Amino acid sequence: MAGNVIAVIDYGMGNLRSVSKALEHVSGGKPVVVTADPAVVAAAERVVFPGQGAMPDCMRELDARGVRGAVLQAAKDKPFLGICVGEQMLFEHSDEGDVPALGVFPGNVVRFPDEKMTLPNGERLKVPHMGWNEVEQQPHALWHGIADRARFYFVHSYFVVPGDPALVAGTCTYGVPFTCAVARDNIFAVQFHPEKSARDGLQLLKNFVEWRP
């Protein structure tokens, strides 16, 4: 298999079809492969780590399918994009199910605080946070061609609290301000769904395909 493959990690928990189709749309002809094969992940040029569902289920399936090691190795040495729970799993611990995560980054995953889920007019905000919201960017190559405060699509009840402020690449506000994008070296990860975020989401995926960290 050619070395320019974009591997989308299949551990049974990601929005795999939408992610792979969106990547194919912007890949410039590079093959996009949905895979749970560690050898394919190891040979890929770049890796996308999507996720949906509850953190305990995601961690269990990652181990059950034998791809934890391949994910950790890819996070060390390849352009790596985490999406939604695929971002959360990069941190040390999640309050969702009280489970340890992969520990690539320092920090924890916490639930939106119920007491803060109120607008100034007293209206209650629903959890999960579902819908379009503005993202305030910190400088990074993957924001190229995307206006600051562009809107992206979210579906989540938990968010990351990085232990290192230098990791923060994007923030959002829903009741409370929270980190919605993180980056370090070859890794970029987002809480929102670029594959569901129209033009700006496709631009971010295109930037990832072309990224040379």
N, C-alpha and C. Protein backbone atom coordinates (compact mmCIF):
# COMPACT_ATOMS: atom_id res chain seq x y z
N MET A 1 0.85 -1.20 0.00
CA MET A 1 0.00 0.00 0.00
C MET A 1 0.89 1.25 0.00
N ALA A 2 0.50 2.22 -0.81
CA ALA A 2 1.30 3.44 -0.94
C ALA A 2 1.42 4.15 0.40
N GLY A 3 2.52 4.86 0.58
CA GLY A 3 2.79 5.52 1.86
C GLY A 3 2.05 6.82 2.06
N ASN A 4 1.25 7.26 1.06
CA ASN A 4 0.53 8.52 1.22
C ASN A 4 -0.89 8.33 1.73
N VAL A 5 -1.16 7.17 2.31
CA VAL A 5 -2.50 6.84 2.81
C VAL A 5 -2.85 7.70 4.03
N ILE A 6 -4.12 8.12 4.09
CA ILE A 6 -4.69 8.74 5.28
C ILE A 6 -5.51 7.67 5.99
N ALA A 7 -5.09 7.27 7.17
CA ALA A 7 -5.79 6.21 7.91
C ALA A 7 -6.78 6.81 8.89
N VAL A 8 -8.02 6.36 8.83
CA VAL A 8 -9.05 6.74 9.80
C VAL A 8 -9.23 5.54 10.73
N ILE A 9 -8.94 5.74 12.01
CA ILE A 9 -8.94 4.64 12.97
C ILE A 9 -10.37 4.14 13.21
N ASP A 10 -10.58 2.85 12.99
CA ASP A 10 -11.88 2.22 13.21
C ASP A 10 -11.81 1.38 14.49
N TYR A 11 -12.41 1.91 15.57
CA TYR A 11 -12.55 1.10 16.77
C TYR A 11 -14.02 0.99 17.15
N GLY A 12 -14.87 1.13 16.13
CA GLY A 12 -16.30 0.90 16.31
C GLY A 12 -17.07 2.05 16.92
N MET A 13 -16.41 3.20 17.15
CA MET A 13 -17.05 4.27 17.90
C MET A 13 -17.06 5.61 17.17
N GLY A 14 -16.52 5.67 15.98
CA GLY A 14 -16.41 6.95 15.30
C GLY A 14 -17.48 7.15 14.25
N ASN A 15 -17.66 8.39 13.83
CA ASN A 15 -18.56 8.72 12.73
C ASN A 15 -17.79 8.47 11.43
N LEU A 16 -17.48 7.20 11.17
CA LEU A 16 -16.44 6.85 10.21
C LEU A 16 -16.79 7.22 8.78
N ARG A 17 -18.02 6.94 8.36
CA ARG A 17 -18.37 7.20 6.97
C ARG A 17 -18.33 8.70 6.66
N SER A 18 -18.90 9.52 7.53
CA SER A 18 -18.90 10.96 7.30
C SER A 18 -17.47 11.52 7.29
N VAL A 19 -16.64 11.03 8.23
CA VAL A 19 -15.26 11.51 8.29
C VAL A 19 -14.49 11.10 7.05
N SER A 20 -14.61 9.84 6.65
CA SER A 20 -13.84 9.37 5.50
C SER A 20 -14.30 10.05 4.21
N LYS A 21 -15.60 10.24 4.05
CA LYS A 21 -16.11 10.90 2.83
C LYS A 21 -15.65 12.35 2.76
N ALA A 22 -15.67 13.04 3.90
CA ALA A 22 -15.21 14.43 3.92
C ALA A 22 -13.72 14.50 3.58
N LEU A 23 -12.93 13.58 4.13
CA LEU A 23 -11.50 13.55 3.82
C LEU A 23 -11.26 13.25 2.35
N GLU A 24 -12.00 12.30 1.79
CA GLU A 24 -11.85 11.99 0.37
C GLU A 24 -12.11 13.21 -0.49
N HIS A 25 -13.05 14.04 -0.06
CA HIS A 25 -13.42 15.23 -0.83
C HIS A 25 -12.26 16.22 -0.94
N VAL A 26 -11.37 16.23 0.07
CA VAL A 26 -10.30 17.23 0.11
C VAL A 26 -8.90 16.62 0.02
N SER A 27 -8.82 15.31 -0.21
CA SER A 27 -7.54 14.62 -0.08
C SER A 27 -6.60 14.81 -1.27
N GLY A 28 -7.12 15.39 -2.36
CA GLY A 28 -6.27 15.57 -3.54
C GLY A 28 -5.83 14.26 -4.16
N GLY A 29 -6.64 13.24 -4.01
CA GLY A 29 -6.32 11.94 -4.60
C GLY A 29 -5.60 10.98 -3.67
N LYS A 30 -5.18 11.45 -2.50
CA LYS A 30 -4.57 10.52 -1.54
C LYS A 30 -5.64 9.53 -1.06
N PRO A 31 -5.30 8.25 -0.99
CA PRO A 31 -6.30 7.28 -0.53
C PRO A 31 -6.63 7.45 0.95
N VAL A 32 -7.91 7.30 1.26
CA VAL A 32 -8.40 7.35 2.64
C VAL A 32 -8.88 5.96 3.00
N VAL A 33 -8.32 5.38 4.06
CA VAL A 33 -8.63 4.01 4.45
C VAL A 33 -9.16 3.99 5.87
N VAL A 34 -10.33 3.41 6.06
CA VAL A 34 -10.87 3.18 7.40
C VAL A 34 -10.35 1.83 7.87
N THR A 35 -9.64 1.80 8.99
CA THR A 35 -8.93 0.59 9.36
C THR A 35 -8.77 0.42 10.87
N ALA A 36 -8.74 -0.84 11.30
CA ALA A 36 -8.35 -1.19 12.66
C ALA A 36 -7.06 -2.00 12.65
N ASP A 37 -6.40 -2.06 11.50
CA ASP A 37 -5.17 -2.86 11.34
C ASP A 37 -3.96 -2.03 11.77
N PRO A 38 -3.28 -2.42 12.85
CA PRO A 38 -2.13 -1.63 13.31
C PRO A 38 -1.05 -1.47 12.24
N ALA A 39 -0.90 -2.46 11.36
CA ALA A 39 0.12 -2.37 10.31
C ALA A 39 -0.24 -1.29 9.30
N VAL A 40 -1.51 -1.16 8.99
CA VAL A 40 -1.95 -0.11 8.05
C VAL A 40 -1.77 1.27 8.69
N VAL A 41 -2.10 1.36 9.96
CA VAL A 41 -1.91 2.63 10.67
C VAL A 41 -0.43 3.00 10.70
N ALA A 42 0.42 2.02 10.96
CA ALA A 42 1.86 2.27 11.03
C ALA A 42 2.43 2.72 9.70
N ALA A 43 1.86 2.22 8.60
CA ALA A 43 2.37 2.56 7.27
C ALA A 43 1.78 3.85 6.71
N ALA A 44 0.72 4.35 7.33
CA ALA A 44 0.02 5.52 6.80
C ALA A 44 0.87 6.78 6.92
N GLU A 45 0.59 7.72 6.03
CA GLU A 45 1.28 9.01 6.08
C GLU A 45 0.76 9.87 7.21
N ARG A 46 -0.56 9.82 7.42
CA ARG A 46 -1.20 10.63 8.47
C ARG A 46 -2.42 9.87 9.00
N VAL A 47 -2.84 10.23 10.22
CA VAL A 47 -3.85 9.45 10.92
C VAL A 47 -4.94 10.37 11.48
N VAL A 48 -6.19 9.92 11.33
CA VAL A 48 -7.34 10.63 11.90
C VAL A 48 -7.98 9.70 12.94
N PHE A 49 -8.24 10.26 14.12
CA PHE A 49 -8.74 9.49 15.27
C PHE A 49 -10.09 10.07 15.68
N PRO A 50 -11.18 9.58 15.07
CA PRO A 50 -12.51 10.11 15.39
C PRO A 50 -13.09 9.41 16.60
N GLY A 51 -14.22 9.90 17.09
CA GLY A 51 -14.86 9.24 18.21
C GLY A 51 -16.25 9.78 18.46
N GLN A 52 -17.14 8.88 18.85
CA GLN A 52 -18.49 9.25 19.28
C GLN A 52 -18.89 8.30 20.39
N GLY A 53 -19.76 8.76 21.28
CA GLY A 53 -20.25 7.90 22.32
C GLY A 53 -19.59 8.17 23.66
N ALA A 54 -19.76 7.21 24.57
CA ALA A 54 -19.28 7.38 25.94
C ALA A 54 -17.81 6.97 26.04
N MET A 55 -17.05 7.70 26.84
CA MET A 55 -15.62 7.44 26.98
C MET A 55 -15.32 6.01 27.44
N PRO A 56 -16.01 5.44 28.44
CA PRO A 56 -15.67 4.07 28.83
C PRO A 56 -15.80 3.08 27.68
N ASP A 57 -16.86 3.24 26.86
CA ASP A 57 -17.04 2.36 25.71
C ASP A 57 -15.91 2.53 24.71
N CYS A 58 -15.52 3.78 24.47
CA CYS A 58 -14.46 4.06 23.50
C CYS A 58 -13.13 3.44 23.95
N MET A 59 -12.78 3.60 25.22
CA MET A 59 -11.53 3.04 25.71
C MET A 59 -11.57 1.51 25.65
N ARG A 60 -12.69 0.93 26.00
CA ARG A 60 -12.81 -0.53 25.96
C ARG A 60 -12.65 -1.06 24.54
N GLU A 61 -13.31 -0.42 23.57
CA GLU A 61 -13.24 -0.88 22.20
C GLU A 61 -11.84 -0.67 21.59
N LEU A 62 -11.20 0.40 21.99
CA LEU A 62 -9.84 0.64 21.51
C LEU A 62 -8.92 -0.52 21.89
N ASP A 63 -9.06 -0.99 23.11
CA ASP A 63 -8.25 -2.12 23.57
C ASP A 63 -8.72 -3.44 22.98
N ALA A 64 -10.04 -3.61 22.89
CA ALA A 64 -10.58 -4.87 22.37
C ALA A 64 -10.16 -5.11 20.93
N ARG A 65 -10.01 -4.04 20.16
CA ARG A 65 -9.61 -4.17 18.76
C ARG A 65 -8.10 -4.10 18.55
N GLY A 66 -7.37 -3.93 19.66
CA GLY A 66 -5.91 -4.01 19.58
C GLY A 66 -5.24 -2.86 18.89
N VAL A 67 -5.86 -1.68 18.91
CA VAL A 67 -5.27 -0.54 18.19
C VAL A 67 -4.72 0.55 19.11
N ARG A 68 -4.75 0.34 20.43
CA ARG A 68 -4.21 1.36 21.33
C ARG A 68 -2.75 1.67 21.00
N GLY A 69 -1.93 0.66 20.85
CA GLY A 69 -0.51 0.88 20.58
C GLY A 69 -0.27 1.63 19.29
N ALA A 70 -1.05 1.30 18.26
CA ALA A 70 -0.90 1.98 16.97
C ALA A 70 -1.29 3.45 17.06
N VAL A 71 -2.33 3.73 17.85
CA VAL A 71 -2.75 5.11 18.05
C VAL A 71 -1.66 5.90 18.78
N LEU A 72 -1.14 5.32 19.84
CA LEU A 72 -0.10 6.01 20.61
C LEU A 72 1.15 6.25 19.78
N GLN A 73 1.52 5.28 18.96
CA GLN A 73 2.71 5.47 18.11
C GLN A 73 2.47 6.54 17.06
N ALA A 74 1.29 6.52 16.45
CA ALA A 74 0.98 7.54 15.43
C ALA A 74 0.98 8.94 16.04
N ALA A 75 0.52 9.05 17.30
CA ALA A 75 0.50 10.35 17.97
C ALA A 75 1.92 10.87 18.22
N LYS A 76 2.91 9.99 18.15
CA LYS A 76 4.30 10.41 18.35
C LYS A 76 4.97 10.85 17.06
N ASP A 77 4.57 10.26 15.93
CA ASP A 77 5.43 10.44 14.75
C ASP A 77 4.72 10.72 13.43
N LYS A 78 3.40 11.01 13.45
CA LYS A 78 2.69 11.31 12.21
C LYS A 78 1.79 12.52 12.40
N PRO A 79 1.47 13.23 11.32
CA PRO A 79 0.38 14.20 11.42
C PRO A 79 -0.88 13.49 11.91
N PHE A 80 -1.45 14.00 13.00
CA PHE A 80 -2.48 13.27 13.74
C PHE A 80 -3.62 14.22 14.05
N LEU A 81 -4.83 13.86 13.66
CA LEU A 81 -6.02 14.69 13.91
C LEU A 81 -7.00 13.91 14.77
N GLY A 82 -7.32 14.43 15.97
CA GLY A 82 -8.34 13.85 16.83
C GLY A 82 -9.64 14.63 16.71
N ILE A 83 -10.76 13.91 16.70
CA ILE A 83 -12.07 14.54 16.54
C ILE A 83 -13.01 14.08 17.64
N CYS A 84 -13.63 15.02 18.35
CA CYS A 84 -14.65 14.79 19.38
C CYS A 84 -14.08 13.91 20.50
N VAL A 85 -14.62 12.72 20.73
CA VAL A 85 -14.05 11.86 21.77
C VAL A 85 -12.61 11.49 21.42
N GLY A 86 -12.27 11.53 20.14
CA GLY A 86 -10.89 11.31 19.72
C GLY A 86 -9.94 12.38 20.21
N GLU A 87 -10.46 13.55 20.53
CA GLU A 87 -9.67 14.58 21.23
C GLU A 87 -9.62 14.25 22.72
N GLN A 88 -10.77 13.96 23.31
CA GLN A 88 -10.83 13.72 24.76
C GLN A 88 -9.94 12.56 25.18
N MET A 89 -9.87 11.52 24.35
CA MET A 89 -9.11 10.32 24.70
C MET A 89 -7.60 10.57 24.78
N LEU A 90 -7.14 11.69 24.24
CA LEU A 90 -5.71 12.00 24.29
C LEU A 90 -5.27 12.47 25.67
N PHE A 91 -6.21 12.79 26.54
CA PHE A 91 -5.86 13.32 27.87
C PHE A 91 -5.75 12.18 28.90
N GLU A 92 -5.53 12.55 30.15
CA GLU A 92 -5.17 11.55 31.16
C GLU A 92 -6.37 10.83 31.76
N HIS A 93 -7.47 11.53 31.94
CA HIS A 93 -8.59 10.96 32.69
C HIS A 93 -9.88 11.63 32.27
N SER A 94 -10.96 10.86 32.29
CA SER A 94 -12.28 11.42 32.01
C SER A 94 -13.22 11.20 33.18
N ASP A 95 -13.96 12.25 33.54
CA ASP A 95 -14.99 12.13 34.56
C ASP A 95 -16.16 11.27 34.06
N GLU A 96 -16.28 11.12 32.74
CA GLU A 96 -17.33 10.27 32.18
C GLU A 96 -16.96 8.80 32.43
N GLY A 97 -17.59 8.20 33.41
CA GLY A 97 -17.26 6.82 33.76
C GLY A 97 -16.03 6.68 34.63
N ASP A 98 -15.39 7.81 34.98
CA ASP A 98 -14.21 7.79 35.84
C ASP A 98 -13.16 6.81 35.30
N VAL A 99 -12.75 7.06 34.04
CA VAL A 99 -11.82 6.13 33.37
C VAL A 99 -10.52 6.84 33.01
N PRO A 100 -9.39 6.13 33.07
CA PRO A 100 -8.15 6.67 32.54
C PRO A 100 -8.22 6.67 31.01
N ALA A 101 -7.64 7.71 30.41
CA ALA A 101 -7.57 7.78 28.96
C ALA A 101 -6.13 7.50 28.52
N LEU A 102 -5.72 8.01 27.37
CA LEU A 102 -4.44 7.61 26.79
C LEU A 102 -3.23 8.34 27.37
N GLY A 103 -3.46 9.52 27.96
CA GLY A 103 -2.37 10.22 28.62
C GLY A 103 -1.33 10.82 27.70
N VAL A 104 -1.70 11.09 26.46
CA VAL A 104 -0.76 11.76 25.55
C VAL A 104 -0.53 13.20 26.02
N PHE A 105 -1.60 13.85 26.48
CA PHE A 105 -1.53 15.21 26.98
C PHE A 105 -1.90 15.23 28.47
N PRO A 106 -1.33 16.17 29.24
CA PRO A 106 -1.76 16.33 30.63
C PRO A 106 -3.13 17.01 30.68
N GLY A 107 -3.97 16.55 31.60
CA GLY A 107 -5.26 17.20 31.75
C GLY A 107 -6.39 16.19 31.85
N ASN A 108 -7.59 16.71 32.06
CA ASN A 108 -8.76 15.88 32.32
C ASN A 108 -9.93 16.28 31.43
N VAL A 109 -10.92 15.40 31.41
CA VAL A 109 -12.16 15.62 30.67
C VAL A 109 -13.28 15.75 31.69
N VAL A 110 -14.01 16.86 31.62
CA VAL A 110 -15.04 17.15 32.63
C VAL A 110 -16.38 17.45 31.95
N ARG A 111 -17.46 17.30 32.72
CA ARG A 111 -18.80 17.58 32.22
C ARG A 111 -19.12 19.07 32.36
N PHE A 112 -19.95 19.59 31.47
CA PHE A 112 -20.44 20.94 31.64
C PHE A 112 -21.08 21.08 33.03
N PRO A 113 -20.68 22.10 33.81
CA PRO A 113 -21.22 22.24 35.17
C PRO A 113 -22.67 22.69 35.14
N ASP A 114 -23.53 21.90 35.75
CA ASP A 114 -24.97 22.15 35.68
C ASP A 114 -25.33 23.54 36.19
N GLU A 115 -24.63 23.99 37.24
CA GLU A 115 -24.98 25.29 37.84
C GLU A 115 -24.61 26.47 36.96
N LYS A 116 -23.79 26.24 35.92
CA LYS A 116 -23.39 27.32 35.02
C LYS A 116 -24.15 27.29 33.70
N MET A 117 -25.06 26.35 33.53
CA MET A 117 -25.76 26.21 32.25
C MET A 117 -26.98 27.12 32.17
N THR A 118 -26.72 28.43 32.29
CA THR A 118 -27.78 29.44 32.28
C THR A 118 -27.31 30.66 31.51
N LEU A 119 -28.18 31.18 30.65
CA LEU A 119 -27.90 32.42 29.94
C LEU A 119 -28.16 33.62 30.86
N PRO A 120 -27.63 34.82 30.52
CA PRO A 120 -27.87 36.00 31.36
C PRO A 120 -29.34 36.29 31.61
N ASN A 121 -30.22 35.91 30.65
CA ASN A 121 -31.66 36.15 30.83
C ASN A 121 -32.34 35.07 31.66
N GLY A 122 -31.55 34.11 32.17
CA GLY A 122 -32.10 33.06 33.01
C GLY A 122 -32.48 31.80 32.26
N GLU A 123 -32.46 31.85 30.94
CA GLU A 123 -32.81 30.66 30.15
C GLU A 123 -31.77 29.55 30.36
N ARG A 124 -32.27 28.33 30.55
CA ARG A 124 -31.37 27.19 30.77
C ARG A 124 -30.78 26.70 29.45
N LEU A 125 -29.51 26.35 29.50
CA LEU A 125 -28.84 25.74 28.36
C LEU A 125 -28.91 24.22 28.48
N LYS A 126 -29.17 23.56 27.39
CA LYS A 126 -29.30 22.11 27.41
C LYS A 126 -27.92 21.45 27.30
N VAL A 127 -27.77 20.32 27.96
CA VAL A 127 -26.61 19.46 27.81
C VAL A 127 -27.13 18.11 27.34
N PRO A 128 -26.63 17.56 26.23
CA PRO A 128 -25.41 17.98 25.54
C PRO A 128 -25.53 19.30 24.79
N HIS A 129 -24.37 19.94 24.66
CA HIS A 129 -24.18 21.09 23.79
C HIS A 129 -24.27 20.58 22.36
N MET A 130 -25.31 20.98 21.65
CA MET A 130 -25.56 20.44 20.31
C MET A 130 -25.90 21.57 19.36
N GLY A 131 -25.08 21.74 18.34
CA GLY A 131 -25.34 22.76 17.34
C GLY A 131 -24.09 23.56 17.00
N TRP A 132 -24.31 24.67 16.33
CA TRP A 132 -23.22 25.49 15.82
C TRP A 132 -22.77 26.51 16.86
N ASN A 133 -21.46 26.71 16.95
CA ASN A 133 -20.93 27.68 17.90
C ASN A 133 -19.62 28.26 17.38
N GLU A 134 -19.35 29.50 17.80
CA GLU A 134 -18.13 30.19 17.36
C GLU A 134 -16.90 29.62 18.06
N VAL A 135 -15.82 29.55 17.31
CA VAL A 135 -14.53 29.11 17.84
C VAL A 135 -13.53 30.25 17.74
N GLU A 136 -12.97 30.62 18.88
CA GLU A 136 -11.93 31.65 18.92
C GLU A 136 -10.57 30.95 18.79
N GLN A 137 -9.84 31.32 17.76
CA GLN A 137 -8.63 30.59 17.40
C GLN A 137 -7.39 31.13 18.11
N GLN A 138 -6.44 30.24 18.33
CA GLN A 138 -5.05 30.59 18.59
C GLN A 138 -4.26 30.24 17.34
N PRO A 139 -3.19 30.97 17.03
CA PRO A 139 -2.50 30.75 15.76
C PRO A 139 -2.08 29.30 15.55
N HIS A 140 -2.44 28.76 14.38
CA HIS A 140 -2.03 27.40 14.01
C HIS A 140 -2.29 27.22 12.51
N ALA A 141 -1.46 26.38 11.89
CA ALA A 141 -1.57 26.15 10.45
C ALA A 141 -2.93 25.58 10.05
N LEU A 142 -3.57 24.84 10.92
CA LEU A 142 -4.83 24.21 10.54
C LEU A 142 -6.02 25.18 10.51
N TRP A 143 -5.81 26.39 10.98
CA TRP A 143 -6.84 27.43 10.85
C TRP A 143 -6.69 28.23 9.56
N HIS A 144 -5.72 27.91 8.72
CA HIS A 144 -5.48 28.68 7.50
C HIS A 144 -6.75 28.76 6.64
N GLY A 145 -7.09 29.97 6.23
CA GLY A 145 -8.25 30.16 5.37
C GLY A 145 -9.59 30.12 6.10
N ILE A 146 -9.57 30.06 7.43
CA ILE A 146 -10.79 30.02 8.23
C ILE A 146 -10.82 31.26 9.12
N ALA A 147 -11.88 32.04 9.02
CA ALA A 147 -11.98 33.27 9.80
C ALA A 147 -12.05 32.96 11.29
N ASP A 148 -11.40 33.81 12.09
CA ASP A 148 -11.55 33.68 13.54
C ASP A 148 -13.02 33.84 13.90
N ARG A 149 -13.45 33.05 14.87
CA ARG A 149 -14.85 33.00 15.32
C ARG A 149 -15.78 32.39 14.28
N ALA A 150 -15.23 31.68 13.31
CA ALA A 150 -16.08 30.87 12.43
C ALA A 150 -16.83 29.84 13.26
N ARG A 151 -17.96 29.40 12.76
CA ARG A 151 -18.83 28.49 13.52
C ARG A 151 -18.60 27.04 13.09
N PHE A 152 -18.54 26.17 14.07
CA PHE A 152 -18.39 24.74 13.83
C PHE A 152 -19.48 23.98 14.57
N TYR A 153 -19.69 22.73 14.18
CA TYR A 153 -20.80 21.94 14.72
C TYR A 153 -20.34 21.05 15.87
N PHE A 154 -21.04 21.14 17.00
CA PHE A 154 -20.69 20.42 18.22
C PHE A 154 -21.82 19.46 18.63
N VAL A 155 -21.44 18.34 19.22
CA VAL A 155 -22.37 17.45 19.94
C VAL A 155 -21.58 16.83 21.09
N HIS A 156 -21.75 17.34 22.32
CA HIS A 156 -20.96 16.80 23.44
C HIS A 156 -21.50 17.30 24.77
N SER A 157 -21.21 16.50 25.81
CA SER A 157 -21.55 16.86 27.18
C SER A 157 -20.31 17.09 28.03
N TYR A 158 -19.14 16.70 27.51
CA TYR A 158 -17.88 16.80 28.23
C TYR A 158 -16.88 17.58 27.38
N PHE A 159 -15.88 18.17 28.04
CA PHE A 159 -14.84 18.90 27.33
C PHE A 159 -13.51 18.75 28.06
N VAL A 160 -12.42 19.05 27.36
CA VAL A 160 -11.10 18.85 27.94
C VAL A 160 -10.67 20.10 28.72
N VAL A 161 -9.92 19.84 29.80
CA VAL A 161 -9.28 20.89 30.58
C VAL A 161 -7.78 20.58 30.57
N PRO A 162 -7.04 21.16 29.62
CA PRO A 162 -5.62 20.83 29.50
C PRO A 162 -4.82 21.24 30.73
N GLY A 163 -3.87 20.40 31.11
CA GLY A 163 -2.98 20.72 32.21
C GLY A 163 -1.90 21.71 31.83
N ASP A 164 -1.72 21.93 30.53
CA ASP A 164 -0.72 22.87 30.02
C ASP A 164 -1.44 23.89 29.14
N PRO A 165 -1.51 25.17 29.53
CA PRO A 165 -2.21 26.17 28.72
C PRO A 165 -1.67 26.30 27.30
N ALA A 166 -0.41 25.92 27.10
CA ALA A 166 0.19 26.03 25.76
C ALA A 166 -0.46 25.07 24.76
N LEU A 167 -1.20 24.10 25.24
CA LEU A 167 -1.89 23.16 24.35
C LEU A 167 -3.09 23.79 23.65
N VAL A 168 -3.65 24.84 24.22
CA VAL A 168 -4.93 25.38 23.73
C VAL A 168 -4.76 26.03 22.36
N ALA A 169 -5.54 25.54 21.39
CA ALA A 169 -5.50 26.08 20.03
C ALA A 169 -6.83 26.71 19.63
N GLY A 170 -7.86 26.52 20.46
CA GLY A 170 -9.15 27.11 20.17
C GLY A 170 -10.05 27.03 21.38
N THR A 171 -10.89 28.06 21.55
CA THR A 171 -11.82 28.08 22.68
C THR A 171 -13.22 28.43 22.19
N CYS A 172 -14.19 28.11 23.04
CA CYS A 172 -15.59 28.31 22.72
C CYS A 172 -16.31 28.63 24.03
N THR A 173 -17.51 29.18 23.95
CA THR A 173 -18.28 29.44 25.17
C THR A 173 -19.66 28.83 25.04
N TYR A 174 -20.02 28.02 26.02
CA TYR A 174 -21.37 27.48 26.15
C TYR A 174 -21.66 27.42 27.65
N GLY A 175 -22.25 28.46 28.16
CA GLY A 175 -22.41 28.57 29.61
C GLY A 175 -21.11 28.97 30.28
N VAL A 176 -20.05 28.26 29.97
CA VAL A 176 -18.70 28.55 30.45
C VAL A 176 -17.76 28.54 29.25
N PRO A 177 -16.65 29.28 29.31
CA PRO A 177 -15.64 29.14 28.27
C PRO A 177 -14.97 27.77 28.41
N PHE A 178 -14.68 27.13 27.28
CA PHE A 178 -14.01 25.84 27.35
C PHE A 178 -13.07 25.67 26.16
N THR A 179 -12.10 24.79 26.33
CA THR A 179 -11.15 24.48 25.27
C THR A 179 -11.81 23.56 24.26
N CYS A 180 -11.76 23.94 22.98
CA CYS A 180 -12.37 23.10 21.94
C CYS A 180 -11.38 22.68 20.87
N ALA A 181 -10.12 23.09 20.99
CA ALA A 181 -9.08 22.62 20.08
C ALA A 181 -7.75 22.66 20.82
N VAL A 182 -6.94 21.63 20.61
CA VAL A 182 -5.62 21.55 21.24
C VAL A 182 -4.60 21.16 20.17
N ALA A 183 -3.35 21.56 20.42
CA ALA A 183 -2.30 21.24 19.45
C ALA A 183 -0.95 21.18 20.13
N ARG A 184 -0.12 20.27 19.65
CA ARG A 184 1.28 20.22 20.05
C ARG A 184 2.02 19.42 18.99
N ASP A 185 3.09 19.99 18.47
CA ASP A 185 3.93 19.30 17.49
C ASP A 185 3.09 18.75 16.33
N ASN A 186 3.01 17.44 16.20
CA ASN A 186 2.33 16.80 15.07
C ASN A 186 0.85 16.51 15.32
N ILE A 187 0.33 16.93 16.49
CA ILE A 187 -1.05 16.60 16.86
C ILE A 187 -1.92 17.85 16.84
N PHE A 188 -3.09 17.72 16.24
CA PHE A 188 -4.15 18.74 16.33
C PHE A 188 -5.43 17.99 16.63
N ALA A 189 -6.21 18.45 17.59
CA ALA A 189 -7.43 17.74 17.96
C ALA A 189 -8.51 18.73 18.33
N VAL A 190 -9.75 18.39 17.97
CA VAL A 190 -10.87 19.32 18.13
C VAL A 190 -12.07 18.62 18.76
N GLN A 191 -12.84 19.37 19.54
CA GLN A 191 -14.07 18.85 20.13
C GLN A 191 -15.21 18.83 19.13
N PHE A 192 -15.22 19.76 18.21
CA PHE A 192 -16.30 19.85 17.23
C PHE A 192 -16.10 18.82 16.11
N HIS A 193 -17.07 18.78 15.21
CA HIS A 193 -17.02 17.83 14.09
C HIS A 193 -16.75 18.57 12.78
N PRO A 194 -15.51 18.60 12.31
CA PRO A 194 -15.26 19.28 11.04
C PRO A 194 -16.01 18.63 9.87
N GLU A 195 -16.23 17.32 9.95
CA GLU A 195 -16.92 16.64 8.84
C GLU A 195 -18.39 17.03 8.75
N LYS A 196 -18.91 17.72 9.78
CA LYS A 196 -20.31 18.20 9.78
C LYS A 196 -20.38 19.72 9.77
N SER A 197 -19.25 20.37 9.49
CA SER A 197 -19.16 21.83 9.67
C SER A 197 -19.01 22.59 8.36
N ALA A 198 -19.60 22.06 7.30
CA ALA A 198 -19.70 22.78 6.02
C ALA A 198 -18.33 23.23 5.51
N ARG A 199 -18.28 24.41 4.89
CA ARG A 199 -17.07 24.83 4.19
C ARG A 199 -15.87 24.94 5.12
N ASP A 200 -16.06 25.54 6.29
CA ASP A 200 -14.92 25.72 7.18
C ASP A 200 -14.40 24.39 7.73
N GLY A 201 -15.30 23.45 7.95
CA GLY A 201 -14.86 22.13 8.37
C GLY A 201 -14.04 21.43 7.29
N LEU A 202 -14.49 21.54 6.04
CA LEU A 202 -13.72 20.96 4.94
C LEU A 202 -12.38 21.65 4.78
N GLN A 203 -12.34 22.96 5.01
CA GLN A 203 -11.07 23.68 4.92
C GLN A 203 -10.10 23.18 5.98
N LEU A 204 -10.60 22.94 7.19
CA LEU A 204 -9.72 22.42 8.24
C LEU A 204 -9.18 21.04 7.86
N LEU A 205 -10.04 20.19 7.32
CA LEU A 205 -9.57 18.86 6.90
C LEU A 205 -8.57 18.96 5.75
N LYS A 206 -8.81 19.89 4.83
CA LYS A 206 -7.86 20.10 3.73
C LYS A 206 -6.51 20.57 4.28
N ASN A 207 -6.57 21.49 5.25
CA ASN A 207 -5.33 21.96 5.87
C ASN A 207 -4.58 20.80 6.53
N PHE A 208 -5.33 19.89 7.14
CA PHE A 208 -4.69 18.73 7.77
C PHE A 208 -4.00 17.84 6.72
N VAL A 209 -4.69 17.61 5.63
CA VAL A 209 -4.13 16.76 4.56
C VAL A 209 -2.82 17.34 4.03
N GLU A 210 -2.73 18.65 4.00
CA GLU A 210 -1.55 19.32 3.45
C GLU A 210 -0.51 19.71 4.51
N TRP A 211 -0.82 19.47 5.76
CA TRP A 211 0.01 19.94 6.88
C TRP A 211 1.34 19.20 6.94
N ARG A 212 2.41 19.97 7.12
CA ARG A 212 3.74 19.40 7.30
C ARG A 212 4.30 19.86 8.64
N PRO A 213 3.89 19.23 9.74
CA PRO A 213 4.34 19.69 11.06
C PRO A 213 5.83 19.47 11.27
